[in-house]
Amino acid sequence: MLSHEYIAIAVFIAITALVGVIAIVLGTIFGPQRPAGTKTMPYESGMNPIGPGSRRVPVRFYLIAVLFILFDIEVVFFIPWALIFNQSVANGNGIFMLAEMAVFVLILLVGYAYAWKKGALEWE
């Protein structure tokens, strides 16, 4: 049987999904239904668009964005580790946790060095 905590989470997810569905349905029902050539044109500071609305973007932009997100998220793990490390020093587990973080940072640095050596961070 589900505990009360899981029931509350399930109700929250159901309400959230219901609100999303209601917003989409209301937008479809009451939204404008008269598309025209001028209305569907992309707007760029009052000027007529030149060329296609969507252009190919080099893969390098995506690669740099993914690398930024990857290393940014990995750095976020330092904050909870620092809080727990402060408590573990008092318990005598400080050296073990410091070694774990050293391995983690070493793995990050190897990945960073690899990306740098392959030229993934070059902006051309």
PDB file of N, CA and C in Angstrom:
ATOM      1  N   MET A   1       0.842  -1.192   0.000  1.00  0.00           N
ATOM      2  CA  MET A   1       0.000   0.000   0.000  1.00  0.00           C
ATOM      3  C   MET A   1       0.879   1.246   0.000  1.00  0.00           C
ATOM      4  N   LEU A   2       0.446   2.268  -0.723  1.00  0.00           N
ATOM      5  CA  LEU A   2       1.218   3.498  -0.801  1.00  0.00           C
ATOM      6  C   LEU A   2       1.140   4.276   0.504  1.00  0.00           C
ATOM      7  N   SER A   3       2.262   4.873   0.872  1.00  0.00           N
ATOM      8  CA  SER A   3       2.243   5.702   2.074  1.00  0.00           C
ATOM      9  C   SER A   3       1.645   7.075   1.741  1.00  0.00           C
ATOM     10  N   HIS A   4       1.392   7.836   2.761  1.00  0.00           N
ATOM     11  CA  HIS A   4       0.748   9.145   2.583  1.00  0.00           C
ATOM     12  C   HIS A   4       1.636  10.108   1.806  1.00  0.00           C
ATOM     13  N   GLU A   5       2.966   9.988   1.945  1.00  0.00           N
ATOM     14  CA  GLU A   5       3.860  10.882   1.224  1.00  0.00           C
ATOM     15  C   GLU A   5       3.754  10.659  -0.287  1.00  0.00           C
ATOM     16  N   TYR A   6       3.658   9.395  -0.695  1.00  0.00           N
ATOM     17  CA  TYR A   6       3.574   9.106  -2.121  1.00  0.00           C
ATOM     18  C   TYR A   6       2.218   9.504  -2.693  1.00  0.00           C
ATOM     19  N   ILE A   7       1.184   9.380  -1.898  1.00  0.00           N
ATOM     20  CA  ILE A   7      -0.142   9.802  -2.358  1.00  0.00           C
ATOM     21  C   ILE A   7      -0.151  11.316  -2.591  1.00  0.00           C
ATOM     22  N   ALA A   8       0.473  12.057  -1.700  1.00  0.00           N
ATOM     23  CA  ALA A   8       0.537  13.514  -1.862  1.00  0.00           C
ATOM     24  C   ALA A   8       1.312  13.877  -3.128  1.00  0.00           C
ATOM     25  N   ILE A   9       2.399  13.182  -3.405  1.00  0.00           N
ATOM     26  CA  ILE A   9       3.178  13.454  -4.613  1.00  0.00           C
ATOM     27  C   ILE A   9       2.362  13.109  -5.858  1.00  0.00           C
ATOM     28  N   ALA A  10       1.633  11.978  -5.816  1.00  0.00           N
ATOM     29  CA  ALA A  10       0.809  11.581  -6.954  1.00  0.00           C
ATOM     30  C   ALA A  10      -0.298  12.600  -7.215  1.00  0.00           C
ATOM     31  N   VAL A  11      -0.919  13.107  -6.160  1.00  0.00           N
ATOM     32  CA  VAL A  11      -1.962  14.122  -6.309  1.00  0.00           C
ATOM     33  C   VAL A  11      -1.362  15.403  -6.895  1.00  0.00           C
ATOM     34  N   PHE A  12      -0.180  15.779  -6.426  1.00  0.00           N
ATOM     35  CA  PHE A  12       0.486  16.976  -6.945  1.00  0.00           C
ATOM     36  C   PHE A  12       0.789  16.827  -8.431  1.00  0.00           C
ATOM     37  N   ILE A  13       1.299  15.675  -8.844  1.00  0.00           N
ATOM     38  CA  ILE A  13       1.600  15.444 -10.258  1.00  0.00           C
ATOM     39  C   ILE A  13       0.320  15.458 -11.087  1.00  0.00           C
ATOM     40  N   ALA A  14      -0.754  14.857 -10.566  1.00  0.00           N
ATOM     41  CA  ALA A  14      -2.023  14.840 -11.300  1.00  0.00           C
ATOM     42  C   ALA A  14      -2.579  16.250 -11.474  1.00  0.00           C
ATOM     43  N   ILE A  15      -2.525  17.058 -10.425  1.00  0.00           N
ATOM     44  CA  ILE A  15      -3.030  18.439 -10.513  1.00  0.00           C
ATOM     45  C   ILE A  15      -2.184  19.243 -11.494  1.00  0.00           C
ATOM     46  N   THR A  16      -0.874  19.057 -11.457  1.00  0.00           N
ATOM     47  CA  THR A  16       0.008  19.771 -12.374  1.00  0.00           C
ATOM     48  C   THR A  16      -0.283  19.394 -13.823  1.00  0.00           C
ATOM     49  N   ALA A  17      -0.460  18.107 -14.084  1.00  0.00           N
ATOM     50  CA  ALA A  17      -0.771  17.654 -15.445  1.00  0.00           C
ATOM     51  C   ALA A  17      -2.124  18.196 -15.884  1.00  0.00           C
ATOM     52  N   LEU A  18      -3.091  18.217 -14.978  1.00  0.00           N
ATOM     53  CA  LEU A  18      -4.417  18.727 -15.301  1.00  0.00           C
ATOM     54  C   LEU A  18      -4.366  20.217 -15.645  1.00  0.00           C
ATOM     55  N   VAL A  19      -3.610  20.984 -14.897  1.00  0.00           N
ATOM     56  CA  VAL A  19      -3.473  22.413 -15.188  1.00  0.00           C
ATOM     57  C   VAL A  19      -2.831  22.618 -16.558  1.00  0.00           C
ATOM     58  N   GLY A  20      -1.821  21.818 -16.886  1.00  0.00           N
ATOM     59  CA  GLY A  20      -1.182  21.924 -18.200  1.00  0.00           C
ATOM     60  C   GLY A  20      -2.140  21.598 -19.327  1.00  0.00           C
ATOM     61  N   VAL A  21      -2.912  20.530 -19.159  1.00  0.00           N
ATOM     62  CA  VAL A  21      -3.881  20.143 -20.197  1.00  0.00           C
ATOM     63  C   VAL A  21      -4.952  21.210 -20.348  1.00  0.00           C
ATOM     64  N   ILE A  22      -5.429  21.746 -19.237  1.00  0.00           N
ATOM     65  CA  ILE A  22      -6.455  22.794 -19.298  1.00  0.00           C
ATOM     66  C   ILE A  22      -5.914  24.028 -20.022  1.00  0.00           C
ATOM     67  N   ALA A  23      -4.669  24.410 -19.745  1.00  0.00           N
ATOM     68  CA  ALA A  23      -4.082  25.581 -20.404  1.00  0.00           C
ATOM     69  C   ALA A  23      -3.977  25.359 -21.913  1.00  0.00           C
ATOM     70  N   ILE A  24      -3.590  24.173 -22.329  1.00  0.00           N
ATOM     71  CA  ILE A  24      -3.464  23.896 -23.765  1.00  0.00           C
ATOM     72  C   ILE A  24      -4.833  23.884 -24.434  1.00  0.00           C
ATOM     73  N   VAL A  25      -5.810  23.258 -23.787  1.00  0.00           N
ATOM     74  CA  VAL A  25      -7.152  23.183 -24.372  1.00  0.00           C
ATOM     75  C   VAL A  25      -7.779  24.571 -24.463  1.00  0.00           C
ATOM     76  N   LEU A  26      -7.660  25.371 -23.405  1.00  0.00           N
ATOM     77  CA  LEU A  26      -8.228  26.719 -23.444  1.00  0.00           C
ATOM     78  C   LEU A  26      -7.537  27.585 -24.503  1.00  0.00           C
ATOM     79  N   GLY A  27      -6.231  27.443 -24.652  1.00  0.00           N
ATOM     80  CA  GLY A  27      -5.522  28.200 -25.689  1.00  0.00           C
ATOM     81  C   GLY A  27      -5.961  27.795 -27.078  1.00  0.00           C
ATOM     82  N   THR A  28      -6.236  26.507 -27.274  1.00  0.00           N
ATOM     83  CA  THR A  28      -6.693  26.036 -28.576  1.00  0.00           C
ATOM     84  C   THR A  28      -8.112  26.503 -28.868  1.00  0.00           C
ATOM     85  N   ILE A  29      -8.966  26.476 -27.859  1.00  0.00           N
ATOM     86  CA  ILE A  29     -10.368  26.861 -28.062  1.00  0.00           C
ATOM     87  C   ILE A  29     -10.505  28.375 -28.257  1.00  0.00           C
ATOM     88  N   PHE A  30      -9.895  29.152 -27.379  1.00  0.00           N
ATOM     89  CA  PHE A  30     -10.106  30.598 -27.394  1.00  0.00           C
ATOM     90  C   PHE A  30      -9.015  31.377 -28.124  1.00  0.00           C
ATOM     91  N   GLY A  31      -7.988  30.716 -28.583  1.00  0.00           N
ATOM     92  CA  GLY A  31      -6.894  31.395 -29.272  1.00  0.00           C
ATOM     93  C   GLY A  31      -7.296  31.817 -30.668  1.00  0.00           C
ATOM     94  N   PRO A  32      -6.490  32.675 -31.291  1.00  0.00           N
ATOM     95  CA  PRO A  32      -6.809  33.133 -32.646  1.00  0.00           C
ATOM     96  C   PRO A  32      -6.715  31.970 -33.628  1.00  0.00           C
ATOM     97  N   GLN A  33      -7.676  31.919 -34.527  1.00  0.00           N
ATOM     98  CA  GLN A  33      -7.753  30.823 -35.491  1.00  0.00           C
ATOM     99  C   GLN A  33      -7.666  31.330 -36.930  1.00  0.00           C
ATOM    100  N   ARG A  34      -7.169  32.553 -37.143  1.00  0.00           N
ATOM    101  CA  ARG A  34      -7.118  33.131 -38.479  1.00  0.00           C
ATOM    102  C   ARG A  34      -5.671  33.386 -38.899  1.00  0.00           C
ATOM    103  N   PRO A  35      -4.934  32.336 -39.221  1.00  0.00           N
ATOM    104  CA  PRO A  35      -3.553  32.585 -39.653  1.00  0.00           C
ATOM    105  C   PRO A  35      -3.529  33.235 -41.032  1.00  0.00           C
ATOM    106  N   ALA A  36      -2.626  34.147 -41.203  1.00  0.00           N
ATOM    107  CA  ALA A  36      -2.453  34.826 -42.488  1.00  0.00           C
ATOM    108  C   ALA A  36      -0.960  34.861 -42.793  1.00  0.00           C
ATOM    109  N   GLY A  37      -0.638  35.188 -44.019  1.00  0.00           N
ATOM    110  CA  GLY A  37       0.762  35.219 -44.409  1.00  0.00           C
ATOM    111  C   GLY A  37       1.580  36.186 -43.588  1.00  0.00           C
ATOM    112  N   THR A  38       1.027  37.358 -43.332  1.00  0.00           N
ATOM    113  CA  THR A  38       1.746  38.365 -42.560  1.00  0.00           C
ATOM    114  C   THR A  38       1.878  37.956 -41.100  1.00  0.00           C
ATOM    115  N   LYS A  39       0.834  37.332 -40.551  1.00  0.00           N
ATOM    116  CA  LYS A  39       0.866  36.942 -39.145  1.00  0.00           C
ATOM    117  C   LYS A  39       1.848  35.816 -38.878  1.00  0.00           C
ATOM    118  N   THR A  40       2.047  34.937 -39.844  1.00  0.00           N
ATOM    119  CA  THR A  40       2.930  33.802 -39.620  1.00  0.00           C
ATOM    120  C   THR A  40       4.379  34.098 -39.971  1.00  0.00           C
ATOM    121  N   MET A  41       4.671  35.305 -40.457  1.00  0.00           N
ATOM    122  CA  MET A  41       6.053  35.656 -40.763  1.00  0.00           C
ATOM    123  C   MET A  41       6.829  35.890 -39.471  1.00  0.00           C
ATOM    124  N   PRO A  42       8.087  35.481 -39.441  1.00  0.00           N
ATOM    125  CA  PRO A  42       8.896  35.776 -38.249  1.00  0.00           C
ATOM    126  C   PRO A  42       9.160  37.271 -38.153  1.00  0.00           C
ATOM    127  N   TYR A  43       9.127  37.794 -36.950  1.00  0.00           N
ATOM    128  CA  TYR A  43       9.300  39.223 -36.735  1.00  0.00           C
ATOM    129  C   TYR A  43      10.730  39.482 -36.278  1.00  0.00           C
ATOM    130  N   GLU A  44      11.429  40.337 -36.993  1.00  0.00           N
ATOM    131  CA  GLU A  44      12.796  40.674 -36.641  1.00  0.00           C
ATOM    132  C   GLU A  44      12.947  42.184 -36.659  1.00  0.00           C
ATOM    133  N   SER A  45      12.658  42.832 -35.609  1.00  0.00           N
ATOM    134  CA  SER A  45      12.819  44.272 -35.403  1.00  0.00           C
ATOM    135  C   SER A  45      12.208  45.113 -36.515  1.00  0.00           C
ATOM    136  N   GLY A  46      11.043  44.707 -37.004  1.00  0.00           N
ATOM    137  CA  GLY A  46      10.314  45.502 -37.975  1.00  0.00           C
ATOM    138  C   GLY A  46      10.783  45.367 -39.400  1.00  0.00           C
ATOM    139  N   MET A  47      11.776  44.548 -39.644  1.00  0.00           N
ATOM    140  CA  MET A  47      12.289  44.383 -41.002  1.00  0.00           C
ATOM    141  C   MET A  47      11.759  43.084 -41.590  1.00  0.00           C
ATOM    142  N   ASN A  48      11.595  43.079 -42.906  1.00  0.00           N
ATOM    143  CA  ASN A  48      11.198  41.841 -43.558  1.00  0.00           C
ATOM    144  C   ASN A  48      12.334  40.827 -43.452  1.00  0.00           C
ATOM    145  N   PRO A  49      11.998  39.596 -43.143  1.00  0.00           N
ATOM    146  CA  PRO A  49      13.056  38.590 -42.986  1.00  0.00           C
ATOM    147  C   PRO A  49      13.727  38.285 -44.317  1.00  0.00           C
ATOM    148  N   ILE A  50      15.020  38.057 -44.230  1.00  0.00           N
ATOM    149  CA  ILE A  50      15.809  37.703 -45.412  1.00  0.00           C
ATOM    150  C   ILE A  50      16.284  36.269 -45.230  1.00  0.00           C
ATOM    151  N   GLY A  51      15.952  35.433 -46.147  1.00  0.00           N
ATOM    152  CA  GLY A  51      16.365  34.039 -46.049  1.00  0.00           C
ATOM    153  C   GLY A  51      15.375  33.214 -45.243  1.00  0.00           C
ATOM    154  N   PRO A  52      15.698  31.942 -45.024  1.00  0.00           N
ATOM    155  CA  PRO A  52      14.775  31.065 -44.299  1.00  0.00           C
ATOM    156  C   PRO A  52      14.699  31.438 -42.816  1.00  0.00           C
ATOM    157  N   GLY A  53      13.601  31.064 -42.187  1.00  0.00           N
ATOM    158  CA  GLY A  53      13.410  31.358 -40.771  1.00  0.00           C
ATOM    159  C   GLY A  53      14.296  30.518 -39.871  1.00  0.00           C
ATOM    160  N   SER A  54      14.630  29.330 -40.307  1.00  0.00           N
ATOM    161  CA  SER A  54      15.519  28.477 -39.508  1.00  0.00           C
ATOM    162  C   SER A  54      16.768  28.194 -40.314  1.00  0.00           C
ATOM    163  N   ARG A  55      17.894  28.384 -39.688  1.00  0.00           N
ATOM    164  CA  ARG A  55      19.175  28.165 -40.355  1.00  0.00           C
ATOM    165  C   ARG A  55      19.943  27.080 -39.622  1.00  0.00           C
ATOM    166  N   ARG A  56      20.833  26.459 -40.318  1.00  0.00           N
ATOM    167  CA  ARG A  56      21.670  25.430 -39.700  1.00  0.00           C
ATOM    168  C   ARG A  56      22.653  26.096 -38.762  1.00  0.00           C
ATOM    169  N   VAL A  57      22.774  25.535 -37.576  1.00  0.00           N
ATOM    170  CA  VAL A  57      23.715  26.038 -36.590  1.00  0.00           C
ATOM    171  C   VAL A  57      24.839  25.020 -36.488  1.00  0.00           C
ATOM    172  N   PRO A  58      26.075  25.470 -36.489  1.00  0.00           N
ATOM    173  CA  PRO A  58      27.171  24.507 -36.385  1.00  0.00           C
ATOM    174  C   PRO A  58      27.087  23.676 -35.102  1.00  0.00           C
ATOM    175  N   VAL A  59      27.562  22.459 -35.181  1.00  0.00           N
ATOM    176  CA  VAL A  59      27.516  21.549 -34.037  1.00  0.00           C
ATOM    177  C   VAL A  59      28.350  22.092 -32.886  1.00  0.00           C
ATOM    178  N   ARG A  60      29.323  22.922 -33.186  1.00  0.00           N
ATOM    179  CA  ARG A  60      30.209  23.465 -32.144  1.00  0.00           C
ATOM    180  C   ARG A  60      29.422  24.235 -31.081  1.00  0.00           C
ATOM    181  N   PHE A  61      28.373  24.937 -31.474  1.00  0.00           N
ATOM    182  CA  PHE A  61      27.550  25.660 -30.499  1.00  0.00           C
ATOM    183  C   PHE A  61      26.913  24.681 -29.520  1.00  0.00           C
ATOM    184  N   TYR A  62      26.371  23.600 -30.043  1.00  0.00           N
ATOM    185  CA  TYR A  62      25.740  22.612 -29.184  1.00  0.00           C
ATOM    186  C   TYR A  62      26.759  21.925 -28.296  1.00  0.00           C
ATOM    187  N   LEU A  63      27.921  21.637 -28.828  1.00  0.00           N
ATOM    188  CA  LEU A  63      28.963  20.972 -28.059  1.00  0.00           C
ATOM    189  C   LEU A  63      29.419  21.836 -26.896  1.00  0.00           C
ATOM    190  N   ILE A  64      29.627  23.107 -27.145  1.00  0.00           N
ATOM    191  CA  ILE A  64      30.043  24.006 -26.063  1.00  0.00           C
ATOM    192  C   ILE A  64      28.932  24.143 -25.027  1.00  0.00           C
ATOM    193  N   ALA A  65      27.678  24.203 -25.472  1.00  0.00           N
ATOM    194  CA  ALA A  65      26.564  24.296 -24.524  1.00  0.00           C
ATOM    195  C   ALA A  65      26.470  23.044 -23.660  1.00  0.00           C
ATOM    196  N   VAL A  66      26.624  21.883 -24.260  1.00  0.00           N
ATOM    197  CA  VAL A  66      26.552  20.631 -23.497  1.00  0.00           C
ATOM    198  C   VAL A  66      27.711  20.544 -22.516  1.00  0.00           C
ATOM    199  N   LEU A  67      28.906  20.923 -22.944  1.00  0.00           N
ATOM    200  CA  LEU A  67      30.048  20.902 -22.030  1.00  0.00           C
ATOM    201  C   LEU A  67      29.847  21.873 -20.870  1.00  0.00           C
ATOM    202  N   PHE A  68      29.300  23.051 -21.164  1.00  0.00           N
ATOM    203  CA  PHE A  68      29.032  24.006 -20.083  1.00  0.00           C
ATOM    204  C   PHE A  68      28.049  23.427 -19.078  1.00  0.00           C
ATOM    205  N   ILE A  69      26.966  22.845 -19.574  1.00  0.00           N
ATOM    206  CA  ILE A  69      25.967  22.262 -18.670  1.00  0.00           C
ATOM    207  C   ILE A  69      26.577  21.120 -17.870  1.00  0.00           C
ATOM    208  N   LEU A  70      27.366  20.284 -18.533  1.00  0.00           N
ATOM    209  CA  LEU A  70      27.985  19.154 -17.847  1.00  0.00           C
ATOM    210  C   LEU A  70      28.867  19.615 -16.698  1.00  0.00           C
ATOM    211  N   PHE A  71      29.784  20.533 -16.972  1.00  0.00           N
ATOM    212  CA  PHE A  71      30.690  20.977 -15.921  1.00  0.00           C
ATOM    213  C   PHE A  71      29.984  21.854 -14.898  1.00  0.00           C
ATOM    214  N   ASP A  72      28.974  22.579 -15.304  1.00  0.00           N
ATOM    215  CA  ASP A  72      28.218  23.396 -14.362  1.00  0.00           C
ATOM    216  C   ASP A  72      27.473  22.523 -13.364  1.00  0.00           C
ATOM    217  N   ILE A  73      26.860  21.469 -13.835  1.00  0.00           N
ATOM    218  CA  ILE A  73      26.125  20.576 -12.938  1.00  0.00           C
ATOM    219  C   ILE A  73      27.084  19.826 -12.028  1.00  0.00           C
ATOM    220  N   GLU A  74      28.236  19.453 -12.545  1.00  0.00           N
ATOM    221  CA  GLU A  74      29.199  18.745 -11.701  1.00  0.00           C
ATOM    222  C   GLU A  74      29.701  19.639 -10.575  1.00  0.00           C
ATOM    223  N   VAL A  75      29.863  20.909 -10.830  1.00  0.00           N
ATOM    224  CA  VAL A  75      30.335  21.827  -9.796  1.00  0.00           C
ATOM    225  C   VAL A  75      29.288  21.988  -8.691  1.00  0.00           C
ATOM    226  N   VAL A  76      28.019  21.827  -9.035  1.00  0.00           N
ATOM    227  CA  VAL A  76      26.954  21.954  -8.029  1.00  0.00           C
ATOM    228  C   VAL A  76      27.100  20.881  -6.941  1.00  0.00           C
ATOM    229  N   PHE A  77      27.724  19.759  -7.274  1.00  0.00           N
ATOM    230  CA  PHE A  77      27.910  18.709  -6.277  1.00  0.00           C
ATOM    231  C   PHE A  77      28.897  19.088  -5.184  1.00  0.00           C
ATOM    232  N   PHE A  78      29.661  20.139  -5.382  1.00  0.00           N
ATOM    233  CA  PHE A  78      30.619  20.546  -4.361  1.00  0.00           C
ATOM    234  C   PHE A  78      29.941  21.093  -3.111  1.00  0.00           C
ATOM    235  N   ILE A  79      28.802  21.743  -3.250  1.00  0.00           N
ATOM    236  CA  ILE A  79      28.154  22.385  -2.100  1.00  0.00           C
ATOM    237  C   ILE A  79      27.654  21.357  -1.086  1.00  0.00           C
ATOM    238  N   PRO A  80      26.853  20.347  -1.479  1.00  0.00           N
ATOM    239  CA  PRO A  80      26.447  19.373  -0.462  1.00  0.00           C
ATOM    240  C   PRO A  80      27.632  18.576   0.077  1.00  0.00           C
ATOM    241  N   TRP A  81      28.631  18.329  -0.766  1.00  0.00           N
ATOM    242  CA  TRP A  81      29.803  17.613  -0.287  1.00  0.00           C
ATOM    243  C   TRP A  81      30.509  18.418   0.798  1.00  0.00           C
ATOM    244  N   ALA A  82      30.628  19.724   0.602  1.00  0.00           N
ATOM    245  CA  ALA A  82      31.307  20.562   1.592  1.00  0.00           C
ATOM    246  C   ALA A  82      30.566  20.552   2.919  1.00  0.00           C
ATOM    247  N   LEU A  83      29.241  20.544   2.859  1.00  0.00           N
ATOM    248  CA  LEU A  83      28.475  20.512   4.104  1.00  0.00           C
ATOM    249  C   LEU A  83      28.653  19.187   4.844  1.00  0.00           C
ATOM    250  N   ILE A  84      28.619  18.106   4.117  1.00  0.00           N
ATOM    251  CA  ILE A  84      28.787  16.792   4.742  1.00  0.00           C
ATOM    252  C   ILE A  84      30.240  16.597   5.177  1.00  0.00           C
ATOM    253  N   PHE A  85      31.170  17.139   4.413  1.00  0.00           N
ATOM    254  CA  PHE A  85      32.583  17.016   4.765  1.00  0.00           C
ATOM    255  C   PHE A  85      32.859  17.694   6.095  1.00  0.00           C
ATOM    256  N   ASN A  86      32.226  18.824   6.314  1.00  0.00           N
ATOM    257  CA  ASN A  86      32.405  19.536   7.583  1.00  0.00           C
ATOM    258  C   ASN A  86      31.970  18.663   8.753  1.00  0.00           C
ATOM    259  N   GLN A  87      30.890  17.914   8.592  1.00  0.00           N
ATOM    260  CA  GLN A  87      30.423  17.025   9.654  1.00  0.00           C
ATOM    261  C   GLN A  87      31.297  15.780   9.765  1.00  0.00           C
ATOM    262  N   SER A  88      31.797  15.284   8.643  1.00  0.00           N
ATOM    263  CA  SER A  88      32.569  14.048   8.670  1.00  0.00           C
ATOM    264  C   SER A  88      33.945  14.235   9.277  1.00  0.00           C
ATOM    265  N   VAL A  89      34.482  15.443   9.232  1.00  0.00           N
ATOM    266  CA  VAL A  89      35.769  15.699   9.872  1.00  0.00           C
ATOM    267  C   VAL A  89      35.632  15.481  11.369  1.00  0.00           C
ATOM    268  N   ALA A  90      34.515  15.891  11.917  1.00  0.00           N
ATOM    269  CA  ALA A  90      34.283  15.689  13.344  1.00  0.00           C
ATOM    270  C   ALA A  90      34.132  14.208  13.679  1.00  0.00           C
ATOM    271  N   ASN A  91      33.620  13.410  12.742  1.00  0.00           N
ATOM    272  CA  ASN A  91      33.426  11.976  12.983  1.00  0.00           C
ATOM    273  C   ASN A  91      34.661  11.153  12.648  1.00  0.00           C
ATOM    274  N   GLY A  92      35.676  11.738  12.055  1.00  0.00           N
ATOM    275  CA  GLY A  92      36.896  11.020  11.728  1.00  0.00           C
ATOM    276  C   GLY A  92      36.925  10.438  10.329  1.00  0.00           C
ATOM    277  N   ASN A  93      35.963  10.757   9.471  1.00  0.00           N
ATOM    278  CA  ASN A  93      35.929  10.253   8.099  1.00  0.00           C
ATOM    279  C   ASN A  93      36.390  11.293   7.091  1.00  0.00           C
ATOM    280  N   GLY A  94      37.069  12.319   7.535  1.00  0.00           N
ATOM    281  CA  GLY A  94      37.444  13.423   6.666  1.00  0.00           C
ATOM    282  C   GLY A  94      38.415  13.034   5.579  1.00  0.00           C
ATOM    283  N   ILE A  95      39.396  12.200   5.888  1.00  0.00           N
ATOM    284  CA  ILE A  95      40.400  11.805   4.897  1.00  0.00           C
ATOM    285  C   ILE A  95      39.754  10.987   3.780  1.00  0.00           C
ATOM    286  N   PHE A  96      38.854  10.077   4.153  1.00  0.00           N
ATOM    287  CA  PHE A  96      38.181   9.247   3.151  1.00  0.00           C
ATOM    288  C   PHE A  96      37.345  10.115   2.214  1.00  0.00           C
ATOM    289  N   MET A  97      36.590  11.067   2.761  1.00  0.00           N
ATOM    290  CA  MET A  97      35.753  11.933   1.920  1.00  0.00           C
ATOM    291  C   MET A  97      36.604  12.869   1.073  1.00  0.00           C
ATOM    292  N   LEU A  98      37.727  13.304   1.591  1.00  0.00           N
ATOM    293  CA  LEU A  98      38.622  14.147   0.805  1.00  0.00           C
ATOM    294  C   LEU A  98      39.201  13.362  -0.365  1.00  0.00           C
ATOM    295  N   ALA A  99      39.517  12.096  -0.145  1.00  0.00           N
ATOM    296  CA  ALA A  99      40.033  11.252  -1.225  1.00  0.00           C
ATOM    297  C   ALA A  99      38.955  11.013  -2.276  1.00  0.00           C
ATOM    298  N   GLU A 100      37.714  10.808  -1.844  1.00  0.00           N
ATOM    299  CA  GLU A 100      36.618  10.637  -2.805  1.00  0.00           C
ATOM    300  C   GLU A 100      36.453  11.872  -3.683  1.00  0.00           C
ATOM    301  N   MET A 101      36.511  13.042  -3.084  1.00  0.00           N
ATOM    302  CA  MET A 101      36.356  14.269  -3.855  1.00  0.00           C
ATOM    303  C   MET A 101      37.562  14.488  -4.762  1.00  0.00           C
ATOM    304  N   ALA A 102      38.737  14.069  -4.323  1.00  0.00           N
ATOM    305  CA  ALA A 102      39.921  14.193  -5.177  1.00  0.00           C
ATOM    306  C   ALA A 102      39.764  13.323  -6.427  1.00  0.00           C
ATOM    307  N   VAL A 103      39.214  12.127  -6.280  1.00  0.00           N
ATOM    308  CA  VAL A 103      38.966  11.261  -7.434  1.00  0.00           C
ATOM    309  C   VAL A 103      37.929  11.901  -8.355  1.00  0.00           C
ATOM    310  N   PHE A 104      36.887  12.462  -7.770  1.00  0.00           N
ATOM    311  CA  PHE A 104      35.840  13.125  -8.552  1.00  0.00           C
ATOM    312  C   PHE A 104      36.416  14.285  -9.354  1.00  0.00           C
ATOM    313  N   VAL A 105      37.217  15.122  -8.710  1.00  0.00           N
ATOM    314  CA  VAL A 105      37.824  16.271  -9.383  1.00  0.00           C
ATOM    315  C   VAL A 105      38.810  15.799 -10.443  1.00  0.00           C
ATOM    316  N   LEU A 106      39.540  14.720 -10.168  1.00  0.00           N
ATOM    317  CA  LEU A 106      40.475  14.184 -11.155  1.00  0.00           C
ATOM    318  C   LEU A 106      39.735  13.717 -12.411  1.00  0.00           C
ATOM    319  N   ILE A 107      38.590  13.049 -12.227  1.00  0.00           N
ATOM    320  CA  ILE A 107      37.791  12.616 -13.379  1.00  0.00           C
ATOM    321  C   ILE A 107      37.301  13.830 -14.172  1.00  0.00           C
ATOM    322  N   LEU A 108      36.859  14.872 -13.470  1.00  0.00           N
ATOM    323  CA  LEU A 108      36.433  16.095 -14.157  1.00  0.00           C
ATOM    324  C   LEU A 108      37.585  16.737 -14.926  1.00  0.00           C
ATOM    325  N   LEU A 109      38.751  16.779 -14.315  1.00  0.00           N
ATOM    326  CA  LEU A 109      39.896  17.395 -14.984  1.00  0.00           C
ATOM    327  C   LEU A 109      40.341  16.597 -16.199  1.00  0.00           C
ATOM    328  N   VAL A 110      40.260  15.276 -16.122  1.00  0.00           N
ATOM    329  CA  VAL A 110      40.603  14.454 -17.287  1.00  0.00           C
ATOM    330  C   VAL A 110      39.623  14.737 -18.422  1.00  0.00           C
ATOM    331  N   GLY A 111      38.327  14.827 -18.113  1.00  0.00           N
ATOM    332  CA  GLY A 111      37.326  15.155 -19.134  1.00  0.00           C
ATOM    333  C   GLY A 111      37.539  16.542 -19.714  1.00  0.00           C
ATOM    334  N   TYR A 112      37.883  17.485 -18.859  1.00  0.00           N
ATOM    335  CA  TYR A 112      38.134  18.851 -19.312  1.00  0.00           C
ATOM    336  C   TYR A 112      39.362  18.905 -20.213  1.00  0.00           C
ATOM    337  N   ALA A 113      40.432  18.212 -19.811  1.00  0.00           N
ATOM    338  CA  ALA A 113      41.653  18.182 -20.618  1.00  0.00           C
ATOM    339  C   ALA A 113      41.398  17.509 -21.964  1.00  0.00           C
ATOM    340  N   TYR A 114      40.601  16.457 -21.968  1.00  0.00           N
ATOM    341  CA  TYR A 114      40.281  15.772 -23.216  1.00  0.00           C
ATOM    342  C   TYR A 114      39.503  16.698 -24.160  1.00  0.00           C
ATOM    343  N   ALA A 115      38.498  17.390 -23.608  1.00  0.00           N
ATOM    344  CA  ALA A 115      37.710  18.314 -24.434  1.00  0.00           C
ATOM    345  C   ALA A 115      38.586  19.450 -24.953  1.00  0.00           C
ATOM    346  N   TRP A 116      39.497  19.935 -24.134  1.00  0.00           N
ATOM    347  CA  TRP A 116      40.389  21.010 -24.544  1.00  0.00           C
ATOM    348  C   TRP A 116      41.340  20.536 -25.638  1.00  0.00           C
ATOM    349  N   LYS A 117      41.901  19.326 -25.465  1.00  0.00           N
ATOM    350  CA  LYS A 117      42.841  18.803 -26.444  1.00  0.00           C
ATOM    351  C   LYS A 117      42.174  18.535 -27.790  1.00  0.00           C
ATOM    352  N   LYS A 118      40.912  18.097 -27.763  1.00  0.00           N
ATOM    353  CA  LYS A 118      40.183  17.830 -29.005  1.00  0.00           C
ATOM    354  C   LYS A 118      39.712  19.108 -29.689  1.00  0.00           C
ATOM    355  N   GLY A 119      39.854  20.253 -29.015  1.00  0.00           N
ATOM    356  CA  GLY A 119      39.452  21.520 -29.619  1.00  0.00           C
ATOM    357  C   GLY A 119      37.981  21.831 -29.443  1.00  0.00           C
ATOM    358  N   ALA A 120      37.325  21.159 -28.496  1.00  0.00           N
ATOM    359  CA  ALA A 120      35.896  21.385 -28.280  1.00  0.00           C
ATOM    360  C   ALA A 120      35.615  22.753 -27.683  1.00  0.00           C
ATOM    361  N   LEU A 121      36.610  23.368 -27.070  1.00  0.00           N
ATOM    362  CA  LEU A 121      36.399  24.653 -26.432  1.00  0.00           C
ATOM    363  C   LEU A 121      36.832  25.824 -27.297  1.00  0.00           C
ATOM    364  N   GLU A 122      37.306  25.554 -28.504  1.00  0.00           N
ATOM    365  CA  GLU A 122      37.732  26.617 -29.407  1.00  0.00           C
ATOM    366  C   GLU A 122      36.502  27.277 -30.037  1.00  0.00           C
ATOM    367  N   TRP A 123      36.490  28.589 -30.027  1.00  0.00           N
ATOM    368  CA  TRP A 123      35.372  29.343 -30.607  1.00  0.00           C
ATOM    369  C   TRP A 123      35.865  30.002 -31.891  1.00  0.00           C
ATOM    370  N   GLU A 124      35.365  29.518 -33.016  1.00  0.00           N
ATOM    371  CA  GLU A 124      35.837  30.028 -34.302  1.00  0.00           C
ATOM    372  C   GLU A 124      34.730  30.691 -35.057  1.00  0.00           C
TER     373      GLU A 124
END
